[in-house]
């Protein structure tokens, strides 16, 4: 992960300019923090890519059964209400909230914070930036988030208006009232 800091006193990157930057550089995966820092995300290796696919698949299967929302991959950038353009490893937005967006908003970077996100720490990811990213989601309206950290064999659970809960592997995680009936067991990834 590489962070590029723009001096916003001299460079003001609008949402449209950030969108165009991403479209003109499709081989690169960008994010933008709430502070305006541009992050270039490096590709993940096979183990992390497989773990991410497993997690997205589990959320997708649950959603196929419930039809309660939309599931998104790590290629989706969300324009968060409290600034920042972030791309979680897996995300879910309730159907009710998704359908409020216009077609154009759905097709570009949706201006919405997911209800649920999963961030999966890769072997080369430093932990602190991922924790800061999870806090950005919370500040923007996230209801439930999991920061899965295989290196330390733990999960940090983020909930709106509550302290972060840290649980050790093995653990059974619940979608609680955000994704009713959704459960996964770690370490299964």
Protein backbone atom coordinates (compact mmCIF):
# COMPACT_ATOMS: atom_id res chain seq x y z
CA UNK A 1 0.00 0.00 0.00
CA UNK A 2 1.40 3.38 -1.01
CA UNK A 3 -0.01 6.69 0.23
CA UNK A 4 0.28 9.80 -1.90
CA UNK A 5 -0.34 12.98 0.05
CA UNK A 6 -1.74 15.93 -1.87
CA UNK A 7 -1.33 19.40 -0.45
CA UNK A 8 -4.98 20.44 -0.52
CA UNK A 9 -4.00 24.11 -0.16
CA UNK A 10 -2.75 23.96 -3.74
CA UNK A 11 -4.62 20.95 -5.20
CA UNK A 12 -8.35 20.45 -4.72
CA UNK A 13 -9.40 17.08 -6.13
CA UNK A 14 -13.17 17.06 -6.59
CA UNK A 15 -15.24 13.88 -6.45
CA UNK A 16 -15.58 13.98 -10.24
CA UNK A 17 -11.81 14.46 -10.72
CA UNK A 18 -11.10 11.53 -8.39
CA UNK A 19 -13.60 9.41 -10.33
CA UNK A 20 -11.92 10.35 -13.63
CA UNK A 21 -8.46 9.64 -12.18
CA UNK A 22 -9.64 6.13 -11.31
CA UNK A 23 -11.26 5.62 -14.73
CA UNK A 24 -8.13 6.76 -16.60
CA UNK A 25 -5.96 4.38 -14.55
CA UNK A 26 -8.03 1.20 -14.45
CA UNK A 27 -4.95 -0.97 -13.83
CA UNK A 28 -4.45 0.78 -10.49
CA UNK A 29 -6.70 0.53 -7.47
CA UNK A 30 -7.08 3.85 -5.67
CA UNK A 31 -8.69 4.93 -2.44
CA UNK A 32 -8.95 8.39 -0.91
CA UNK A 33 -8.99 8.91 2.85
CA UNK A 34 -11.23 11.39 4.63
CA UNK A 35 -8.12 13.60 4.92
CA UNK A 36 -7.74 13.64 1.11
CA UNK A 37 -4.75 11.29 0.93
CA UNK A 38 -4.67 9.13 -2.20
CA UNK A 39 -3.79 5.51 -1.50
CA UNK A 40 -2.60 3.16 -4.23
CA UNK A 41 -3.59 -0.36 -3.23
CA UNK A 42 -1.26 -3.14 -4.22
CA UNK A 43 -2.68 -6.41 -5.52
CA UNK A 44 -3.03 -9.26 -3.04
CA UNK A 45 -1.41 -12.66 -3.26
CA UNK A 46 -3.12 -15.99 -3.75
CA UNK A 47 -3.88 -16.75 -0.10
CA UNK A 48 -5.45 -13.36 0.58
CA UNK A 49 -7.30 -13.36 -2.74
CA UNK A 50 -8.76 -16.77 -1.98
CA UNK A 51 -9.78 -15.73 1.54
CA UNK A 52 -11.43 -12.58 0.18
CA UNK A 53 -13.33 -14.59 -2.45
CA UNK A 54 -14.53 -17.04 0.21
CA UNK A 55 -15.84 -14.18 2.37
CA UNK A 56 -17.60 -12.44 -0.53
CA UNK A 57 -19.08 -15.79 -1.55
CA UNK A 58 -20.49 -16.41 1.92
CA UNK A 59 -22.11 -12.97 2.07
CA UNK A 60 -23.43 -13.43 -1.48
CA UNK A 61 -24.97 -16.85 -0.66
CA UNK A 62 -26.69 -15.41 2.43
CA UNK A 63 -28.01 -12.49 0.39
CA UNK A 64 -29.25 -14.80 -2.38
CA UNK A 65 -31.41 -16.53 0.22
CA UNK A 66 -32.66 -13.37 1.93
CA UNK A 67 -32.75 -10.85 -0.96
CA UNK A 68 -32.25 -8.09 1.63
CA UNK A 69 -29.63 -6.03 -0.19
CA UNK A 70 -26.67 -5.87 -2.56
CA UNK A 71 -23.20 -7.43 -2.14
CA UNK A 72 -20.05 -5.69 -3.40
CA UNK A 73 -16.49 -6.80 -4.10
CA UNK A 74 -13.22 -5.05 -3.30
CA UNK A 75 -13.31 -3.36 -6.71
CA UNK A 76 -16.21 -1.14 -5.61
CA UNK A 77 -15.40 2.32 -4.29
CA UNK A 78 -17.94 3.96 -1.98
CA UNK A 79 -17.97 7.74 -1.65
CA UNK A 80 -18.48 8.00 2.10
CA UNK A 81 -20.76 10.71 3.52
CA UNK A 82 -18.02 12.00 5.87
CA UNK A 83 -15.48 12.20 3.02
CA UNK A 84 -13.21 9.51 1.74
CA UNK A 85 -13.59 7.12 -1.14
CA UNK A 86 -13.10 3.63 0.24
CA UNK A 87 -13.13 0.11 -1.12
CA UNK A 88 -13.78 -2.63 1.46
CA UNK A 89 -12.79 -6.22 0.75
CA UNK A 90 -16.48 -7.16 0.97
CA UNK A 91 -19.51 -4.95 1.52
CA UNK A 92 -23.27 -5.14 1.80
CA UNK A 93 -25.89 -2.39 1.49
CA UNK A 94 -29.55 -2.91 2.40
CA UNK A 95 -31.90 -2.93 -0.56
CA UNK A 96 -33.94 -0.10 0.94
CA UNK A 97 -30.91 2.21 1.09
CA UNK A 98 -29.53 1.09 -2.29
CA UNK A 99 -32.76 1.80 -4.17
CA UNK A 100 -32.77 5.42 -2.95
CA UNK A 101 -29.70 6.09 -5.10
CA UNK A 102 -30.14 7.24 -8.68
CA UNK A 103 -28.98 5.03 -11.54
CA UNK A 104 -26.00 7.33 -12.09
CA UNK A 105 -25.05 7.16 -8.40
CA UNK A 106 -25.25 3.36 -8.51
CA UNK A 107 -23.10 3.19 -11.65
CA UNK A 108 -20.33 5.52 -10.45
CA UNK A 109 -18.89 5.50 -6.92
CA UNK A 110 -22.04 5.11 -4.82
CA UNK A 111 -22.37 8.01 -2.36
CA UNK A 112 -23.29 5.76 0.53
CA UNK A 113 -21.60 3.98 3.40
CA UNK A 114 -22.21 0.23 3.39
CA UNK A 115 -24.26 -1.19 6.24
CA UNK A 116 -21.72 -4.02 6.61
CA UNK A 117 -18.07 -4.34 5.60
CA UNK A 118 -15.27 -6.87 5.90
CA UNK A 119 -11.64 -5.84 5.77
CA UNK A 120 -9.19 -8.72 5.55
CA UNK A 121 -5.65 -8.00 6.63
CA UNK A 122 -3.13 -9.37 4.14
CA UNK A 123 0.29 -10.54 5.26
CA UNK A 124 1.90 -7.29 4.09
CA UNK A 125 -0.77 -4.88 5.44
CA UNK A 126 0.12 -2.77 8.47
CA UNK A 127 -2.73 -2.95 11.00
CA UNK A 128 -3.11 0.74 11.93
CA UNK A 129 -4.25 2.03 8.48
CA UNK A 130 -6.92 -0.70 8.39
CA UNK A 131 -8.16 0.33 11.84
CA UNK A 132 -8.30 3.96 10.68
CA UNK A 133 -10.24 2.87 7.60
CA UNK A 134 -12.74 1.00 9.79
CA UNK A 135 -13.15 4.17 11.87
CA UNK A 136 -13.90 6.13 8.68
CA UNK A 137 -16.68 3.66 7.93
CA UNK A 138 -18.08 4.07 11.45
CA UNK A 139 -17.94 7.86 11.18
CA UNK A 140 -19.90 7.59 7.93
CA UNK A 141 -22.72 5.39 9.27
CA UNK A 142 -21.44 1.80 9.20
CA UNK A 143 -23.66 -0.49 11.28
CA UNK A 144 -21.37 -3.56 11.50
CA UNK A 145 -17.83 -4.25 10.35
CA UNK A 146 -15.25 -6.98 10.77
CA UNK A 147 -11.52 -6.45 10.51
CA UNK A 148 -10.24 -9.99 10.12
CA UNK A 149 -6.60 -10.31 11.11
CA UNK A 150 -5.21 -13.80 10.37
CA UNK A 151 -1.68 -12.73 11.38
CA UNK A 152 -2.76 -12.11 14.99
CA UNK A 153 -5.55 -14.74 14.88
CA UNK A 154 -8.22 -12.21 15.83
CA UNK A 155 -11.17 -10.19 14.59
CA UNK A 156 -11.99 -6.62 15.51
CA UNK A 157 -15.76 -6.09 15.48
CA UNK A 158 -16.93 -2.55 14.78
CA UNK A 159 -20.47 -1.52 15.67
CA UNK A 160 -22.17 1.86 15.56
CA UNK A 161 -22.00 3.67 18.95
CA UNK A 162 -20.03 0.90 20.68
CA UNK A 163 -16.45 0.18 21.59
CA UNK A 164 -14.48 -2.06 19.26
CA UNK A 165 -14.66 -5.69 20.38
CA UNK A 166 -11.62 -7.92 19.79
CA UNK A 167 -12.16 -11.68 19.68
CA UNK A 168 -9.59 -14.43 19.16
CA UNK A 169 -9.77 -17.31 16.67
CA UNK A 170 -11.52 -19.69 16.64
CA UNK A 171 -14.68 -17.61 16.64
CA UNK A 172 -18.18 -17.76 15.24
CA UNK A 173 -19.21 -14.36 13.86
CA UNK A 174 -22.81 -13.28 13.58
CA UNK A 175 -24.35 -10.75 11.21
CA UNK A 176 -26.43 -9.70 14.22
CA UNK A 177 -29.45 -7.55 13.30
CA UNK A 178 -27.66 -6.11 10.25
CA UNK A 179 -27.44 -9.43 8.35
CA UNK A 180 -29.98 -11.58 10.22
CA UNK A 181 -29.09 -15.27 10.23
CA UNK A 182 -25.64 -14.77 8.70
CA UNK A 183 -22.87 -16.71 10.48
CA UNK A 184 -19.30 -17.65 9.68
CA UNK A 185 -16.76 -19.62 11.63
CA UNK A 186 -13.11 -18.55 11.77
CA UNK A 187 -10.60 -19.82 11.09
CA UNK A 188 -12.31 -21.27 8.11
CA UNK A 189 -10.43 -18.92 5.82
